[in-house]
Amino acid sequence: MITISDSASDKIKEMLAEQQLPNLFLRIGVKEGGCSGFSYGMGFDDDQKVEDKVMELQGLKVVVDGDSLKYLNGLEIDYKDSGMGGGFTIHNPNAIATCGCGSSFRTREEDAAAAQPCED
């Protein structure tokens, strides 16, 4: 399950409205890369795939690809407004390590897999 705070939901809805495209939804995912192993992806999309998991969260259509879902269970997305602007924050209970900027992470499973010796 993914959680989106009220402030994050309000900001995402505002951004969606600015796009003026009725079929857009929020896509959240992960990909290999970043300084810790995986990096987050969050953006608008209108191309839903068969393997995607679709959720209705805070009145938003949220789509996660099947491969990313295992890394995002329990994910919490918030939006913090500050004097210098604002930004989205992500808390992922599956992450055992994150980079300084918070945009990449490593999970316990990947940490254990990396520690396994190669068997030839």
PDB file of N, CA and C in Angstrom:
ATOM      1  N   MET A   1       0.839  -1.182   0.000  1.00  0.00           N
ATOM      2  CA  MET A   1       0.000   0.000   0.000  1.00  0.00           C
ATOM      3  C   MET A   1       0.882   1.243   0.000  1.00  0.00           C
ATOM      4  N   ILE A   2       0.509   2.217  -0.770  1.00  0.00           N
ATOM      5  CA  ILE A   2       1.192   3.502  -0.849  1.00  0.00           C
ATOM      6  C   ILE A   2       0.300   4.549  -0.207  1.00  0.00           C
ATOM      7  N   THR A   3       0.912   5.480   0.519  1.00  0.00           N
ATOM      8  CA  THR A   3       0.159   6.549   1.165  1.00  0.00           C
ATOM      9  C   THR A   3       0.608   7.889   0.599  1.00  0.00           C
ATOM     10  N   ILE A   4      -0.363   8.735   0.282  1.00  0.00           N
ATOM     11  CA  ILE A   4      -0.084  10.087  -0.182  1.00  0.00           C
ATOM     12  C   ILE A   4      -0.753  11.046   0.794  1.00  0.00           C
ATOM     13  N   SER A   5       0.021  11.949   1.372  1.00  0.00           N
ATOM     14  CA  SER A   5      -0.525  12.907   2.341  1.00  0.00           C
ATOM     15  C   SER A   5      -1.486  13.875   1.654  1.00  0.00           C
ATOM     16  N   ASP A   6      -2.273  14.558   2.464  1.00  0.00           N
ATOM     17  CA  ASP A   6      -3.194  15.560   1.928  1.00  0.00           C
ATOM     18  C   ASP A   6      -2.449  16.649   1.168  1.00  0.00           C
ATOM     19  N   SER A   7      -1.334  17.130   1.738  1.00  0.00           N
ATOM     20  CA  SER A   7      -0.593  18.204   1.073  1.00  0.00           C
ATOM     21  C   SER A   7       0.009  17.736  -0.253  1.00  0.00           C
ATOM     22  N   ALA A   8       0.509  16.498  -0.301  1.00  0.00           N
ATOM     23  CA  ALA A   8       1.057  15.958  -1.551  1.00  0.00           C
ATOM     24  C   ALA A   8      -0.053  15.766  -2.575  1.00  0.00           C
ATOM     25  N   SER A   9      -1.178  15.251  -2.129  1.00  0.00           N
ATOM     26  CA  SER A   9      -2.320  15.052  -3.020  1.00  0.00           C
ATOM     27  C   SER A   9      -2.790  16.377  -3.615  1.00  0.00           C
ATOM     28  N   ASP A  10      -2.906  17.393  -2.769  1.00  0.00           N
ATOM     29  CA  ASP A  10      -3.334  18.705  -3.252  1.00  0.00           C
ATOM     30  C   ASP A  10      -2.369  19.245  -4.299  1.00  0.00           C
ATOM     31  N   LYS A  11      -1.072  19.106  -4.056  1.00  0.00           N
ATOM     32  CA  LYS A  11      -0.067  19.610  -4.994  1.00  0.00           C
ATOM     33  C   LYS A  11      -0.106  18.831  -6.309  1.00  0.00           C
ATOM     34  N   ILE A  12      -0.247  17.512  -6.231  1.00  0.00           N
ATOM     35  CA  ILE A  12      -0.307  16.686  -7.444  1.00  0.00           C
ATOM     36  C   ILE A  12      -1.539  17.042  -8.260  1.00  0.00           C
ATOM     37  N   LYS A  13      -2.684  17.219  -7.595  1.00  0.00           N
ATOM     38  CA  LYS A  13      -3.916  17.601  -8.300  1.00  0.00           C
ATOM     39  C   LYS A  13      -3.758  18.962  -8.972  1.00  0.00           C
ATOM     40  N   GLU A  14      -3.113  19.886  -8.292  1.00  0.00           N
ATOM     41  CA  GLU A  14      -2.850  21.210  -8.866  1.00  0.00           C
ATOM     42  C   GLU A  14      -1.979  21.079 -10.119  1.00  0.00           C
ATOM     43  N   MET A  15      -0.945  20.268 -10.035  1.00  0.00           N
ATOM     44  CA  MET A  15      -0.041  20.075 -11.174  1.00  0.00           C
ATOM     45  C   MET A  15      -0.747  19.369 -12.331  1.00  0.00           C
ATOM     46  N   LEU A  16      -1.597  18.393 -12.012  1.00  0.00           N
ATOM     47  CA  LEU A  16      -2.366  17.696 -13.054  1.00  0.00           C
ATOM     48  C   LEU A  16      -3.298  18.665 -13.772  1.00  0.00           C
ATOM     49  N   ALA A  17      -3.961  19.529 -13.003  1.00  0.00           N
ATOM     50  CA  ALA A  17      -4.886  20.495 -13.596  1.00  0.00           C
ATOM     51  C   ALA A  17      -4.164  21.433 -14.556  1.00  0.00           C
ATOM     52  N   GLU A  18      -2.941  21.783 -14.242  1.00  0.00           N
ATOM     53  CA  GLU A  18      -2.150  22.667 -15.107  1.00  0.00           C
ATOM     54  C   GLU A  18      -1.833  22.017 -16.449  1.00  0.00           C
ATOM     55  N   GLN A  19      -1.790  20.683 -16.479  1.00  0.00           N
ATOM     56  CA  GLN A  19      -1.466  19.964 -17.709  1.00  0.00           C
ATOM     57  C   GLN A  19      -2.612  20.004 -18.719  1.00  0.00           C
ATOM     58  N   GLN A  20      -3.832  20.147 -18.246  1.00  0.00           N
ATOM     59  CA  GLN A  20      -5.030  20.235 -19.082  1.00  0.00           C
ATOM     60  C   GLN A  20      -5.183  19.036 -20.015  1.00  0.00           C
ATOM     61  N   LEU A  21      -4.794  17.861 -19.542  1.00  0.00           N
ATOM     62  CA  LEU A  21      -4.976  16.617 -20.294  1.00  0.00           C
ATOM     63  C   LEU A  21      -5.777  15.663 -19.414  1.00  0.00           C
ATOM     64  N   PRO A  22      -6.993  15.328 -19.805  1.00  0.00           N
ATOM     65  CA  PRO A  22      -7.903  14.596 -18.921  1.00  0.00           C
ATOM     66  C   PRO A  22      -7.501  13.157 -18.594  1.00  0.00           C
ATOM     67  N   ASN A  23      -6.683  12.510 -19.375  1.00  0.00           N
ATOM     68  CA  ASN A  23      -6.364  11.093 -19.153  1.00  0.00           C
ATOM     69  C   ASN A  23      -5.066  10.863 -18.396  1.00  0.00           C
ATOM     70  N   LEU A  24      -4.448  11.907 -17.902  1.00  0.00           N
ATOM     71  CA  LEU A  24      -3.188  11.755 -17.174  1.00  0.00           C
ATOM     72  C   LEU A  24      -3.429  11.168 -15.789  1.00  0.00           C
ATOM     73  N   PHE A  25      -2.463  10.378 -15.349  1.00  0.00           N
ATOM     74  CA  PHE A  25      -2.463   9.830 -13.996  1.00  0.00           C
ATOM     75  C   PHE A  25      -1.051   9.918 -13.453  1.00  0.00           C
ATOM     76  N   LEU A  26      -0.915   9.668 -12.159  1.00  0.00           N
ATOM     77  CA  LEU A  26       0.396   9.681 -11.514  1.00  0.00           C
ATOM     78  C   LEU A  26       1.015   8.300 -11.622  1.00  0.00           C
ATOM     79  N   ARG A  27       2.202   8.232 -12.183  1.00  0.00           N
ATOM     80  CA  ARG A  27       2.948   6.970 -12.253  1.00  0.00           C
ATOM     81  C   ARG A  27       4.115   7.057 -11.278  1.00  0.00           C
ATOM     82  N   ILE A  28       4.228   6.034 -10.432  1.00  0.00           N
ATOM     83  CA  ILE A  28       5.324   5.935  -9.476  1.00  0.00           C
ATOM     84  C   ILE A  28       6.073   4.644  -9.784  1.00  0.00           C
ATOM     85  N   GLY A  29       7.392   4.701  -9.757  1.00  0.00           N
ATOM     86  CA  GLY A  29       8.168   3.499 -10.024  1.00  0.00           C
ATOM     87  C   GLY A  29       9.590   3.635  -9.515  1.00  0.00           C
ATOM     88  N   VAL A  30      10.343   2.569  -9.714  1.00  0.00           N
ATOM     89  CA  VAL A  30      11.763   2.575  -9.401  1.00  0.00           C
ATOM     90  C   VAL A  30      12.518   2.000 -10.597  1.00  0.00           C
ATOM     91  N   LYS A  31      13.767   2.384 -10.694  1.00  0.00           N
ATOM     92  CA  LYS A  31      14.637   1.800 -11.719  1.00  0.00           C
ATOM     93  C   LYS A  31      16.014   1.631 -11.115  1.00  0.00           C
ATOM     94  N   GLU A  32      16.768   0.712 -11.660  1.00  0.00           N
ATOM     95  CA  GLU A  32      18.125   0.512 -11.174  1.00  0.00           C
ATOM     96  C   GLU A  32      18.946   1.739 -11.505  1.00  0.00           C
ATOM     97  N   GLY A  33      19.769   2.128 -10.549  1.00  0.00           N
ATOM     98  CA  GLY A  33      20.621   3.286 -10.755  1.00  0.00           C
ATOM     99  C   GLY A  33      20.615   4.181  -9.536  1.00  0.00           C
ATOM    100  N   GLY A  34      21.284   5.255  -9.623  1.00  0.00           N
ATOM    101  CA  GLY A  34      21.417   6.157  -8.480  1.00  0.00           C
ATOM    102  C   GLY A  34      22.581   5.711  -7.624  1.00  0.00           C
ATOM    103  N   CYS A  35      22.958   6.515  -6.690  1.00  0.00           N
ATOM    104  CA  CYS A  35      24.151   6.220  -5.897  1.00  0.00           C
ATOM    105  C   CYS A  35      23.926   5.114  -4.868  1.00  0.00           C
ATOM    106  N   SER A  36      22.668   4.747  -4.592  1.00  0.00           N
ATOM    107  CA  SER A  36      22.416   3.697  -3.605  1.00  0.00           C
ATOM    108  C   SER A  36      21.900   2.395  -4.206  1.00  0.00           C
ATOM    109  N   GLY A  37      21.615   2.355  -5.498  1.00  0.00           N
ATOM    110  CA  GLY A  37      21.178   1.122  -6.129  1.00  0.00           C
ATOM    111  C   GLY A  37      19.908   1.249  -6.943  1.00  0.00           C
ATOM    112  N   PHE A  38      18.899   1.934  -6.400  1.00  0.00           N
ATOM    113  CA  PHE A  38      17.645   2.169  -7.109  1.00  0.00           C
ATOM    114  C   PHE A  38      17.298   3.647  -7.001  1.00  0.00           C
ATOM    115  N   SER A  39      16.597   4.161  -8.001  1.00  0.00           N
ATOM    116  CA  SER A  39      16.128   5.542  -7.916  1.00  0.00           C
ATOM    117  C   SER A  39      14.627   5.578  -8.168  1.00  0.00           C
ATOM    118  N   TYR A  40      13.990   6.550  -7.552  1.00  0.00           N
ATOM    119  CA  TYR A  40      12.546   6.709  -7.687  1.00  0.00           C
ATOM    120  C   TYR A  40      12.208   7.449  -8.966  1.00  0.00           C
ATOM    121  N   GLY A  41      11.054   7.129  -9.496  1.00  0.00           N
ATOM    122  CA  GLY A  41      10.498   7.875 -10.610  1.00  0.00           C
ATOM    123  C   GLY A  41       9.062   8.238 -10.261  1.00  0.00           C
ATOM    124  N   MET A  42       8.694   9.479 -10.488  1.00  0.00           N
ATOM    125  CA  MET A  42       7.334   9.921 -10.222  1.00  0.00           C
ATOM    126  C   MET A  42       7.001  10.984 -11.251  1.00  0.00           C
ATOM    127  N   GLY A  43       5.935  10.758 -11.993  1.00  0.00           N
ATOM    128  CA  GLY A  43       5.551  11.727 -13.014  1.00  0.00           C
ATOM    129  C   GLY A  43       4.186  11.398 -13.571  1.00  0.00           C
ATOM    130  N   PHE A  44       3.756  12.193 -14.510  1.00  0.00           N
ATOM    131  CA  PHE A  44       2.450  11.992 -15.124  1.00  0.00           C
ATOM    132  C   PHE A  44       2.592  11.140 -16.375  1.00  0.00           C
ATOM    133  N   ASP A  45       1.572  10.335 -16.625  1.00  0.00           N
ATOM    134  CA  ASP A  45       1.587   9.410 -17.755  1.00  0.00           C
ATOM    135  C   ASP A  45       0.151   9.231 -18.225  1.00  0.00           C
ATOM    136  N   ASP A  46      -0.010   8.762 -19.442  1.00  0.00           N
ATOM    137  CA  ASP A  46      -1.342   8.418 -19.942  1.00  0.00           C
ATOM    138  C   ASP A  46      -1.338   7.057 -20.622  1.00  0.00           C
ATOM    139  N   ASP A  47      -0.224   6.314 -20.469  1.00  0.00           N
ATOM    140  CA  ASP A  47      -0.070   5.007 -21.107  1.00  0.00           C
ATOM    141  C   ASP A  47      -0.051   3.918 -20.045  1.00  0.00           C
ATOM    142  N   GLN A  48      -1.196   3.294 -19.828  1.00  0.00           N
ATOM    143  CA  GLN A  48      -1.315   2.234 -18.825  1.00  0.00           C
ATOM    144  C   GLN A  48      -1.055   0.880 -19.472  1.00  0.00           C
ATOM    145  N   LYS A  49      -0.203   0.077 -18.831  1.00  0.00           N
ATOM    146  CA  LYS A  49       0.170  -1.248 -19.330  1.00  0.00           C
ATOM    147  C   LYS A  49      -0.638  -2.336 -18.604  1.00  0.00           C
ATOM    148  N   VAL A  50      -0.706  -3.506 -19.198  1.00  0.00           N
ATOM    149  CA  VAL A  50      -1.458  -4.622 -18.623  1.00  0.00           C
ATOM    150  C   VAL A  50      -0.907  -5.026 -17.257  1.00  0.00           C
ATOM    151  N   GLU A  51       0.421  -4.994 -17.084  1.00  0.00           N
ATOM    152  CA  GLU A  51       1.046  -5.437 -15.835  1.00  0.00           C
ATOM    153  C   GLU A  51       1.034  -4.373 -14.733  1.00  0.00           C
ATOM    154  N   ASP A  52       0.507  -3.187 -15.037  1.00  0.00           N
ATOM    155  CA  ASP A  52       0.450  -2.113 -14.051  1.00  0.00           C
ATOM    156  C   ASP A  52      -0.573  -2.402 -12.955  1.00  0.00           C
ATOM    157  N   LYS A  53      -0.255  -1.966 -11.757  1.00  0.00           N
ATOM    158  CA  LYS A  53      -1.177  -2.003 -10.626  1.00  0.00           C
ATOM    159  C   LYS A  53      -1.785  -0.614 -10.515  1.00  0.00           C
ATOM    160  N   VAL A  54      -3.116  -0.539 -10.516  1.00  0.00           N
ATOM    161  CA  VAL A  54      -3.817   0.735 -10.461  1.00  0.00           C
ATOM    162  C   VAL A  54      -4.431   0.910  -9.081  1.00  0.00           C
ATOM    163  N   MET A  55      -4.233   2.084  -8.484  1.00  0.00           N
ATOM    164  CA  MET A  55      -4.776   2.391  -7.162  1.00  0.00           C
ATOM    165  C   MET A  55      -5.483   3.737  -7.215  1.00  0.00           C
ATOM    166  N   GLU A  56      -6.470   3.903  -6.383  1.00  0.00           N
ATOM    167  CA  GLU A  56      -7.131   5.189  -6.189  1.00  0.00           C
ATOM    168  C   GLU A  56      -6.712   5.682  -4.816  1.00  0.00           C
ATOM    169  N   LEU A  57      -5.912   6.747  -4.773  1.00  0.00           N
ATOM    170  CA  LEU A  57      -5.386   7.277  -3.520  1.00  0.00           C
ATOM    171  C   LEU A  57      -5.687   8.766  -3.436  1.00  0.00           C
ATOM    172  N   GLN A  58      -6.393   9.179  -2.419  1.00  0.00           N
ATOM    173  CA  GLN A  58      -6.711  10.592  -2.190  1.00  0.00           C
ATOM    174  C   GLN A  58      -7.380  11.221  -3.412  1.00  0.00           C
ATOM    175  N   GLY A  59      -8.188  10.448  -4.122  1.00  0.00           N
ATOM    176  CA  GLY A  59      -8.852  10.970  -5.307  1.00  0.00           C
ATOM    177  C   GLY A  59      -7.967  11.025  -6.532  1.00  0.00           C
ATOM    178  N   LEU A  60      -6.805  10.409  -6.464  1.00  0.00           N
ATOM    179  CA  LEU A  60      -5.871  10.365  -7.591  1.00  0.00           C
ATOM    180  C   LEU A  60      -5.770   8.951  -8.137  1.00  0.00           C
ATOM    181  N   LYS A  61      -5.676   8.846  -9.457  1.00  0.00           N
ATOM    182  CA  LYS A  61      -5.356   7.565 -10.076  1.00  0.00           C
ATOM    183  C   LYS A  61      -3.840   7.432 -10.036  1.00  0.00           C
ATOM    184  N   VAL A  62      -3.361   6.388  -9.331  1.00  0.00           N
ATOM    185  CA  VAL A  62      -1.934   6.141  -9.181  1.00  0.00           C
ATOM    186  C   VAL A  62      -1.625   4.782  -9.791  1.00  0.00           C
ATOM    187  N   VAL A  63      -0.602   4.736 -10.632  1.00  0.00           N
ATOM    188  CA  VAL A  63      -0.234   3.514 -11.340  1.00  0.00           C
ATOM    189  C   VAL A  63       1.221   3.172 -11.020  1.00  0.00           C
ATOM    190  N   VAL A  64       1.457   1.887 -10.711  1.00  0.00           N
ATOM    191  CA  VAL A  64       2.799   1.389 -10.417  1.00  0.00           C
ATOM    192  C   VAL A  64       3.035   0.166 -11.295  1.00  0.00           C
ATOM    193  N   ASP A  65       4.181   0.107 -11.955  1.00  0.00           N
ATOM    194  CA  ASP A  65       4.481  -1.073 -12.766  1.00  0.00           C
ATOM    195  C   ASP A  65       4.735  -2.268 -11.849  1.00  0.00           C
ATOM    196  N   GLY A  66       4.463  -3.466 -12.350  1.00  0.00           N
ATOM    197  CA  GLY A  66       4.559  -4.688 -11.555  1.00  0.00           C
ATOM    198  C   GLY A  66       5.922  -4.924 -10.933  1.00  0.00           C
ATOM    199  N   ASP A  67       7.002  -4.574 -11.629  1.00  0.00           N
ATOM    200  CA  ASP A  67       8.344  -4.793 -11.100  1.00  0.00           C
ATOM    201  C   ASP A  67       8.660  -3.860  -9.928  1.00  0.00           C
ATOM    202  N   SER A  68       8.122  -2.664  -9.940  1.00  0.00           N
ATOM    203  CA  SER A  68       8.415  -1.680  -8.892  1.00  0.00           C
ATOM    204  C   SER A  68       7.625  -1.909  -7.619  1.00  0.00           C
ATOM    205  N   LEU A  69       6.496  -2.556  -7.732  1.00  0.00           N
ATOM    206  CA  LEU A  69       5.570  -2.660  -6.611  1.00  0.00           C
ATOM    207  C   LEU A  69       6.212  -3.242  -5.352  1.00  0.00           C
ATOM    208  N   LYS A  70       7.061  -4.258  -5.492  1.00  0.00           N
ATOM    209  CA  LYS A  70       7.669  -4.888  -4.313  1.00  0.00           C
ATOM    210  C   LYS A  70       8.594  -3.937  -3.555  1.00  0.00           C
ATOM    211  N   TYR A  71       9.123  -2.923  -4.231  1.00  0.00           N
ATOM    212  CA  TYR A  71      10.014  -1.963  -3.578  1.00  0.00           C
ATOM    213  C   TYR A  71       9.255  -0.789  -2.947  1.00  0.00           C
ATOM    214  N   LEU A  72       7.981  -0.664  -3.285  1.00  0.00           N
ATOM    215  CA  LEU A  72       7.220   0.512  -2.876  1.00  0.00           C
ATOM    216  C   LEU A  72       6.125   0.227  -1.856  1.00  0.00           C
ATOM    217  N   ASN A  73       5.996  -1.014  -1.405  1.00  0.00           N
ATOM    218  CA  ASN A  73       4.969  -1.338  -0.421  1.00  0.00           C
ATOM    219  C   ASN A  73       5.245  -0.578   0.878  1.00  0.00           C
ATOM    220  N   GLY A  74       4.296   0.223   1.311  1.00  0.00           N
ATOM    221  CA  GLY A  74       4.460   1.021   2.516  1.00  0.00           C
ATOM    222  C   GLY A  74       4.992   2.427   2.256  1.00  0.00           C
ATOM    223  N   LEU A  75       5.251   2.759   0.998  1.00  0.00           N
ATOM    224  CA  LEU A  75       5.792   4.060   0.631  1.00  0.00           C
ATOM    225  C   LEU A  75       4.867   5.187   1.095  1.00  0.00           C
ATOM    226  N   GLU A  76       5.457   6.256   1.610  1.00  0.00           N
ATOM    227  CA  GLU A  76       4.713   7.443   2.034  1.00  0.00           C
ATOM    228  C   GLU A  76       5.249   8.650   1.271  1.00  0.00           C
ATOM    229  N   ILE A  77       4.348   9.353   0.593  1.00  0.00           N
ATOM    230  CA  ILE A  77       4.726  10.542  -0.165  1.00  0.00           C
ATOM    231  C   ILE A  77       4.095  11.749   0.510  1.00  0.00           C
ATOM    232  N   ASP A  78       4.901  12.773   0.743  1.00  0.00           N
ATOM    233  CA  ASP A  78       4.427  14.000   1.370  1.00  0.00           C
ATOM    234  C   ASP A  78       4.928  15.176   0.541  1.00  0.00           C
ATOM    235  N   TYR A  79       4.347  16.333   0.784  1.00  0.00           N
ATOM    236  CA  TYR A  79       4.816  17.558   0.141  1.00  0.00           C
ATOM    237  C   TYR A  79       5.033  18.600   1.214  1.00  0.00           C
ATOM    238  N   LYS A  80       6.217  19.174   1.245  1.00  0.00           N
ATOM    239  CA  LYS A  80       6.565  20.207   2.214  1.00  0.00           C
ATOM    240  C   LYS A  80       6.712  21.535   1.480  1.00  0.00           C
ATOM    241  N   ASP A  81       5.971  22.529   1.943  1.00  0.00           N
ATOM    242  CA  ASP A  81       6.070  23.866   1.385  1.00  0.00           C
ATOM    243  C   ASP A  81       7.018  24.664   2.267  1.00  0.00           C
ATOM    244  N   SER A  82       7.951  25.368   1.662  1.00  0.00           N
ATOM    245  CA  SER A  82       8.887  26.174   2.450  1.00  0.00           C
ATOM    246  C   SER A  82       9.027  27.541   1.812  1.00  0.00           C
ATOM    247  N   GLY A  83       9.700  28.423   2.479  1.00  0.00           N
ATOM    248  CA  GLY A  83       9.908  29.774   1.978  1.00  0.00           C
ATOM    249  C   GLY A  83      10.663  29.811   0.661  1.00  0.00           C
ATOM    250  N   MET A  84      11.464  28.811   0.409  1.00  0.00           N
ATOM    251  CA  MET A  84      12.270  28.766  -0.806  1.00  0.00           C
ATOM    252  C   MET A  84      11.600  27.937  -1.902  1.00  0.00           C
ATOM    253  N   GLY A  85      10.352  27.583  -1.724  1.00  0.00           N
ATOM    254  CA  GLY A  85       9.655  26.753  -2.701  1.00  0.00           C
ATOM    255  C   GLY A  85       8.979  25.602  -2.001  1.00  0.00           C
ATOM    256  N   GLY A  86       9.322  24.419  -2.359  1.00  0.00           N
ATOM    257  CA  GLY A  86       8.743  23.238  -1.749  1.00  0.00           C
ATOM    258  C   GLY A  86       9.195  22.017  -2.510  1.00  0.00           C
ATOM    259  N   GLY A  87       8.781  20.880  -2.023  1.00  0.00           N
ATOM    260  CA  GLY A  87       9.161  19.655  -2.714  1.00  0.00           C
ATOM    261  C   GLY A  87       8.522  18.435  -2.091  1.00  0.00           C
ATOM    262  N   PHE A  88       8.525  17.370  -2.858  1.00  0.00           N
ATOM    263  CA  PHE A  88       7.984  16.105  -2.400  1.00  0.00           C
ATOM    264  C   PHE A  88       9.027  15.370  -1.576  1.00  0.00           C
ATOM    265  N   THR A  89       8.577  14.706  -0.536  1.00  0.00           N
ATOM    266  CA  THR A  89       9.456  13.853   0.257  1.00  0.00           C
ATOM    267  C   THR A  89       8.923  12.432   0.199  1.00  0.00           C
ATOM    268  N   ILE A  90       9.834  11.486   0.256  1.00  0.00           N
ATOM    269  CA  ILE A  90       9.471  10.071   0.172  1.00  0.00           C
ATOM    270  C   ILE A  90      10.049   9.343   1.367  1.00  0.00           C
ATOM    271  N   HIS A  91       9.193   8.597   2.040  1.00  0.00           N
ATOM    272  CA  HIS A  91       9.646   7.696   3.107  1.00  0.00           C
ATOM    273  C   HIS A  91       9.327   6.285   2.656  1.00  0.00           C
ATOM    274  N   ASN A  92      10.359   5.461   2.544  1.00  0.00           N
ATOM    275  CA  ASN A  92      10.203   4.083   2.094  1.00  0.00           C
ATOM    276  C   ASN A  92      10.694   3.151   3.196  1.00  0.00           C
ATOM    277  N   PRO A  93       9.783   2.411   3.854  1.00  0.00           N
ATOM    278  CA  PRO A  93      10.196   1.521   4.931  1.00  0.00           C
ATOM    279  C   PRO A  93      11.024   0.331   4.445  1.00  0.00           C
ATOM    280  N   ASN A  94      11.058   0.094   3.135  1.00  0.00           N
ATOM    281  CA  ASN A  94      11.846  -1.003   2.574  1.00  0.00           C
ATOM    282  C   ASN A  94      13.313  -0.629   2.386  1.00  0.00           C
ATOM    283  N   ALA A  95      13.612   0.652   2.434  1.00  0.00           N
ATOM    284  CA  ALA A  95      14.977   1.121   2.200  1.00  0.00           C
ATOM    285  C   ALA A  95      15.815   0.987   3.468  1.00  0.00           C
ATOM    286  N   ILE A  96      16.996   0.381   3.321  1.00  0.00           N
ATOM    287  CA  ILE A  96      17.918   0.289   4.460  1.00  0.00           C
ATOM    288  C   ILE A  96      19.013   1.340   4.341  1.00  0.00           C
ATOM    289  N   ALA A  97      19.145   1.916   3.143  1.00  0.00           N
ATOM    290  CA  ALA A  97      20.133   2.982   2.924  1.00  0.00           C
ATOM    291  C   ALA A  97      19.596   3.903   1.841  1.00  0.00           C
ATOM    292  N   THR A  98      19.828   5.194   2.000  1.00  0.00           N
ATOM    293  CA  THR A  98      19.439   6.166   0.986  1.00  0.00           C
ATOM    294  C   THR A  98      20.618   7.106   0.748  1.00  0.00           C
ATOM    295  N   CYS A  99      20.574   7.778  -0.383  1.00  0.00           N
ATOM    296  CA  CYS A  99      21.615   8.767  -0.658  1.00  0.00           C
ATOM    297  C   CYS A  99      21.268  10.058   0.073  1.00  0.00           C
ATOM    298  N   GLY A 100      22.164  10.994   0.073  1.00  0.00           N
ATOM    299  CA  GLY A 100      21.967  12.254   0.776  1.00  0.00           C
ATOM    300  C   GLY A 100      20.776  13.051   0.274  1.00  0.00           C
ATOM    301  N   CYS A 101      20.489  12.979  -1.016  1.00  0.00           N
ATOM    302  CA  CYS A 101      19.378  13.763  -1.560  1.00  0.00           C
ATOM    303  C   CYS A 101      18.050  13.030  -1.425  1.00  0.00           C
ATOM    304  N   GLY A 102      18.081  11.738  -1.067  1.00  0.00           N
ATOM    305  CA  GLY A 102      16.851  10.983  -0.852  1.00  0.00           C
ATOM    306  C   GLY A 102      16.201  10.452  -2.106  1.00  0.00           C
ATOM    307  N   SER A 103      16.865  10.570  -3.252  1.00  0.00           N
ATOM    308  CA  SER A 103      16.237  10.107  -4.489  1.00  0.00           C
ATOM    309  C   SER A 103      16.661   8.700  -4.891  1.00  0.00           C
ATOM    310  N   SER A 104      17.575   8.089  -4.159  1.00  0.00           N
ATOM    311  CA  SER A 104      17.914   6.697  -4.441  1.00  0.00           C
ATOM    312  C   SER A 104      18.015   5.933  -3.130  1.00  0.00           C
ATOM    313  N   PHE A 105      17.892   4.603  -3.249  1.00  0.00           N
ATOM    314  CA  PHE A 105      17.835   3.766  -2.058  1.00  0.00           C
ATOM    315  C   PHE A 105      18.322   2.360  -2.353  1.00  0.00           C
ATOM    316  N   ARG A 106      18.533   1.593  -1.286  1.00  0.00           N
ATOM    317  CA  ARG A 106      18.904   0.178  -1.375  1.00  0.00           C
ATOM    318  C   ARG A 106      18.009  -0.564  -0.389  1.00  0.00           C
ATOM    319  N   THR A 107      17.593  -1.785  -0.762  1.00  0.00           N
ATOM    320  CA  THR A 107      16.746  -2.591   0.116  1.00  0.00           C
ATOM    321  C   THR A 107      17.571  -3.706   0.746  1.00  0.00           C
ATOM    322  N   ARG A 108      17.036  -4.313   1.771  1.00  0.00           N
ATOM    323  CA  ARG A 108      17.687  -5.416   2.471  1.00  0.00           C
ATOM    324  C   ARG A 108      17.943  -6.593   1.519  1.00  0.00           C
ATOM    325  N   GLU A 109      16.969  -6.878   0.631  1.00  0.00           N
ATOM    326  CA  GLU A 109      17.111  -8.001  -0.300  1.00  0.00           C
ATOM    327  C   GLU A 109      18.285  -7.791  -1.259  1.00  0.00           C
ATOM    328  N   GLU A 110      18.413  -6.581  -1.796  1.00  0.00           N
ATOM    329  CA  GLU A 110      19.507  -6.298  -2.721  1.00  0.00           C
ATOM    330  C   GLU A 110      20.834  -6.266  -1.990  1.00  0.00           C
ATOM    331  N   ASP A 111      20.826  -5.808  -0.748  1.00  0.00           N
ATOM    332  CA  ASP A 111      22.034  -5.792   0.062  1.00  0.00           C
ATOM    333  C   ASP A 111      22.528  -7.219   0.297  1.00  0.00           C
ATOM    334  N   ALA A 112      21.608  -8.130   0.612  1.00  0.00           N
ATOM    335  CA  ALA A 112      21.964  -9.540   0.847  1.00  0.00           C
ATOM    336  C   ALA A 112      22.426 -10.197  -0.451  1.00  0.00           C
ATOM    337  N   ALA A 113      21.764  -9.894  -1.569  1.00  0.00           N
ATOM    338  CA  ALA A 113      22.149 -10.486  -2.855  1.00  0.00           C
ATOM    339  C   ALA A 113      23.545 -10.049  -3.248  1.00  0.00           C
ATOM    340  N   ALA A 114      23.880  -8.792  -2.994  1.00  0.00           N
ATOM    341  CA  ALA A 114      25.205  -8.285  -3.345  1.00  0.00           C
ATOM    342  C   ALA A 114      26.294  -8.939  -2.502  1.00  0.00           C
ATOM    343  N   ALA A 115      25.942  -9.374  -1.300  1.00  0.00           N
ATOM    344  CA  ALA A 115      26.933  -9.981  -0.404  1.00  0.00           C
ATOM    345  C   ALA A 115      27.177 -11.447  -0.704  1.00  0.00           C
ATOM    346  N   GLN A 116      26.334 -12.065  -1.522  1.00  0.00           N
ATOM    347  CA  GLN A 116      26.485 -13.490  -1.842  1.00  0.00           C
ATOM    348  C   GLN A 116      27.684 -13.682  -2.769  1.00  0.00           C
ATOM    349  N   PRO A 117      28.494 -14.700  -2.491  1.00  0.00           N
ATOM    350  CA  PRO A 117      29.636 -14.965  -3.372  1.00  0.00           C
ATOM    351  C   PRO A 117      29.160 -15.527  -4.709  1.00  0.00           C
ATOM    352  N   CYS A 118      29.911 -15.236  -5.769  1.00  0.00           N
ATOM    353  CA  CYS A 118      29.590 -15.778  -7.090  1.00  0.00           C
ATOM    354  C   CYS A 118      29.860 -17.267  -7.099  1.00  0.00           C
ATOM    355  N   GLU A 119      28.971 -18.000  -7.714  1.00  0.00           N
ATOM    356  CA  GLU A 119      29.166 -19.457  -7.858  1.00  0.00           C
ATOM    357  C   GLU A 119      29.310 -19.775  -9.332  1.00  0.00           C
ATOM    358  N   ASP A 120      30.485 -20.234  -9.717  1.00  0.00           N
ATOM    359  CA  ASP A 120      30.718 -20.600 -11.123  1.00  0.00           C
ATOM    360  C   ASP A 120      30.665 -22.075 -11.303  1.00  0.00           C
TER     361      ASP A 120
END
